[in-house]
């Protein structure tokens, strides 16, 4: 079973926002699922158009995006390979999630992030190596 966590509750979304249920056998875009009606959710902080977020390209079709390449300072290449663009927006390459929109993500397409973690254990290890 794959693609499970991204089909559960969306972090930070109000409790009224519920994903459309996607059974395990209907996750793949290759499997027909005519009754699929995903909920559209973009967090208010993203919808408020902060400088770090793309506009809603479903509304503002004039916003130019270079899919699958470096687009100015934004890397829109995916580690998953090429992703489909359907109705002007990128599709999750892993399959259906029961939700469309950006949620808390600012960019359309891949949203690369790095979360460095520094622990005391790491500092002690380096101190021992240096001795």
Protein backbone atom coordinates (compact mmCIF):
# COMPACT_ATOMS: atom_id res chain seq x y z
CA UNK A 1 0.00 0.00 0.00
CA UNK A 2 1.52 3.31 -1.04
CA UNK A 3 0.55 6.93 -1.16
CA UNK A 4 -1.38 6.61 2.12
CA UNK A 5 -0.30 9.62 4.20
CA UNK A 6 -1.15 12.08 1.44
CA UNK A 7 -4.70 10.74 1.37
CA UNK A 8 -5.37 11.47 5.06
CA UNK A 9 -6.19 14.69 6.87
CA UNK A 10 -4.37 17.73 5.51
CA UNK A 11 -2.17 19.38 8.18
CA UNK A 12 -3.37 22.85 9.11
CA UNK A 13 -6.64 22.57 7.18
CA UNK A 14 -9.88 23.28 9.01
CA UNK A 15 -11.71 20.14 10.13
CA UNK A 16 -14.41 20.86 7.53
CA UNK A 17 -11.88 20.21 4.73
CA UNK A 18 -12.02 16.50 3.97
CA UNK A 19 -10.29 14.84 1.04
CA UNK A 20 -12.38 12.89 -1.43
CA UNK A 21 -11.83 9.21 -0.50
CA UNK A 22 -9.49 7.43 -2.89
CA UNK A 23 -9.34 3.63 -2.57
CA UNK A 24 -5.91 2.03 -2.94
CA UNK A 25 -6.84 0.55 -6.31
CA UNK A 26 -7.88 3.98 -7.69
CA UNK A 27 -4.76 6.01 -6.78
CA UNK A 28 -3.13 5.62 -10.20
CA UNK A 29 -4.14 8.10 -12.87
CA UNK A 30 -4.15 5.16 -15.30
CA UNK A 31 -7.16 3.61 -13.52
CA UNK A 32 -10.53 5.09 -14.53
CA UNK A 33 -12.35 6.76 -11.61
CA UNK A 34 -15.22 8.78 -13.16
CA UNK A 35 -16.82 9.56 -9.79
CA UNK A 36 -13.61 11.23 -8.52
CA UNK A 37 -14.44 14.73 -7.22
CA UNK A 38 -11.45 16.02 -5.24
CA UNK A 39 -11.88 18.86 -2.78
CA UNK A 40 -10.18 22.12 -3.83
CA UNK A 41 -8.12 23.54 -0.97
CA UNK A 42 -5.50 26.27 -0.87
CA UNK A 43 -4.62 27.57 2.58
CA UNK A 44 -5.69 31.17 3.25
CA UNK A 45 -2.05 32.20 3.79
CA UNK A 46 -1.22 31.03 0.25
CA UNK A 47 -4.43 32.40 -1.28
CA UNK A 48 -3.55 35.82 0.19
CA UNK A 49 -0.83 36.02 -2.50
CA UNK A 50 2.35 36.42 -0.42
CA UNK A 51 5.50 37.25 -2.39
CA UNK A 52 6.82 33.68 -1.99
CA UNK A 53 3.77 32.06 -3.61
CA UNK A 54 2.64 31.72 -7.22
CA UNK A 55 -0.73 33.23 -8.08
CA UNK A 56 -3.64 30.90 -8.76
CA UNK A 57 -2.83 29.97 -12.35
CA UNK A 58 -6.33 28.55 -12.77
CA UNK A 59 -7.60 32.13 -12.49
CA UNK A 60 -4.59 34.19 -13.68
CA UNK A 61 -3.73 32.37 -16.89
CA UNK A 62 -1.27 35.12 -17.87
CA UNK A 63 1.28 34.06 -15.22
CA UNK A 64 4.08 32.38 -17.20
CA UNK A 65 5.43 29.10 -15.84
CA UNK A 66 8.26 27.06 -17.34
CA UNK A 67 7.33 23.51 -16.37
CA UNK A 68 10.06 20.89 -15.91
CA UNK A 69 12.92 23.40 -15.80
CA UNK A 70 14.47 26.15 -13.75
CA UNK A 71 12.01 29.04 -13.93
CA UNK A 72 13.90 32.12 -12.77
CA UNK A 73 14.73 31.37 -9.13
CA UNK A 74 12.22 28.52 -8.92
CA UNK A 75 13.26 24.95 -9.75
CA UNK A 76 10.19 23.31 -11.27
CA UNK A 77 12.00 20.08 -12.07
CA UNK A 78 10.79 17.04 -10.15
CA UNK A 79 12.87 14.23 -8.72
CA UNK A 80 10.00 12.00 -9.87
CA UNK A 81 10.67 12.87 -13.52
CA UNK A 82 8.21 14.56 -15.85
CA UNK A 83 4.78 15.29 -14.41
CA UNK A 84 1.63 15.82 -16.45
CA UNK A 85 0.06 19.23 -16.93
CA UNK A 86 -3.73 18.85 -17.08
CA UNK A 87 -6.04 21.84 -17.57
CA UNK A 88 -3.02 24.12 -17.08
CA UNK A 89 -1.96 22.74 -13.69
CA UNK A 90 0.49 19.99 -12.72
CA UNK A 91 -0.75 16.60 -11.63
CA UNK A 92 0.71 14.72 -8.67
CA UNK A 93 3.02 12.15 -10.30
CA UNK A 94 2.23 9.63 -7.55
CA UNK A 95 -1.50 9.63 -8.25
CA UNK A 96 -4.78 10.83 -6.80
CA UNK A 97 -4.84 12.33 -3.32
CA UNK A 98 -8.48 13.41 -3.00
CA UNK A 99 -7.49 17.08 -3.07
CA UNK A 100 -6.58 19.68 -5.66
CA UNK A 101 -5.15 23.13 -5.12
CA UNK A 102 -1.90 23.90 -3.31
CA UNK A 103 -2.77 23.39 0.34
CA UNK A 104 0.09 25.08 2.20
CA UNK A 105 2.48 24.91 -0.76
CA UNK A 106 3.38 28.19 -2.40
CA UNK A 107 4.43 26.97 -5.82
CA UNK A 108 2.64 25.05 -8.53
CA UNK A 109 4.54 21.86 -9.25
CA UNK A 110 7.43 20.66 -7.09
CA UNK A 111 8.04 22.53 -3.84
CA UNK A 112 11.59 21.66 -2.85
CA UNK A 113 12.55 22.08 0.78
CA UNK A 114 15.41 21.21 3.07
CA UNK A 115 14.96 20.94 6.80
CA UNK A 116 18.37 20.84 8.50
CA UNK A 117 18.40 19.25 11.93
CA UNK A 118 21.19 19.89 14.40
CA UNK A 119 21.26 17.83 17.53
CA UNK A 120 23.50 17.79 20.55
CA UNK A 121 24.48 14.23 19.66
CA UNK A 122 25.89 15.44 16.36
CA UNK A 123 27.92 18.14 18.10
CA UNK A 124 29.31 15.63 20.62
CA UNK A 125 30.24 13.27 17.78
CA UNK A 126 32.21 15.99 15.99
CA UNK A 127 33.92 16.97 19.24
CA UNK A 128 35.03 13.36 19.79
CA UNK A 129 36.32 13.06 16.23
CA UNK A 130 38.37 16.22 16.63
CA UNK A 131 40.07 14.97 19.86
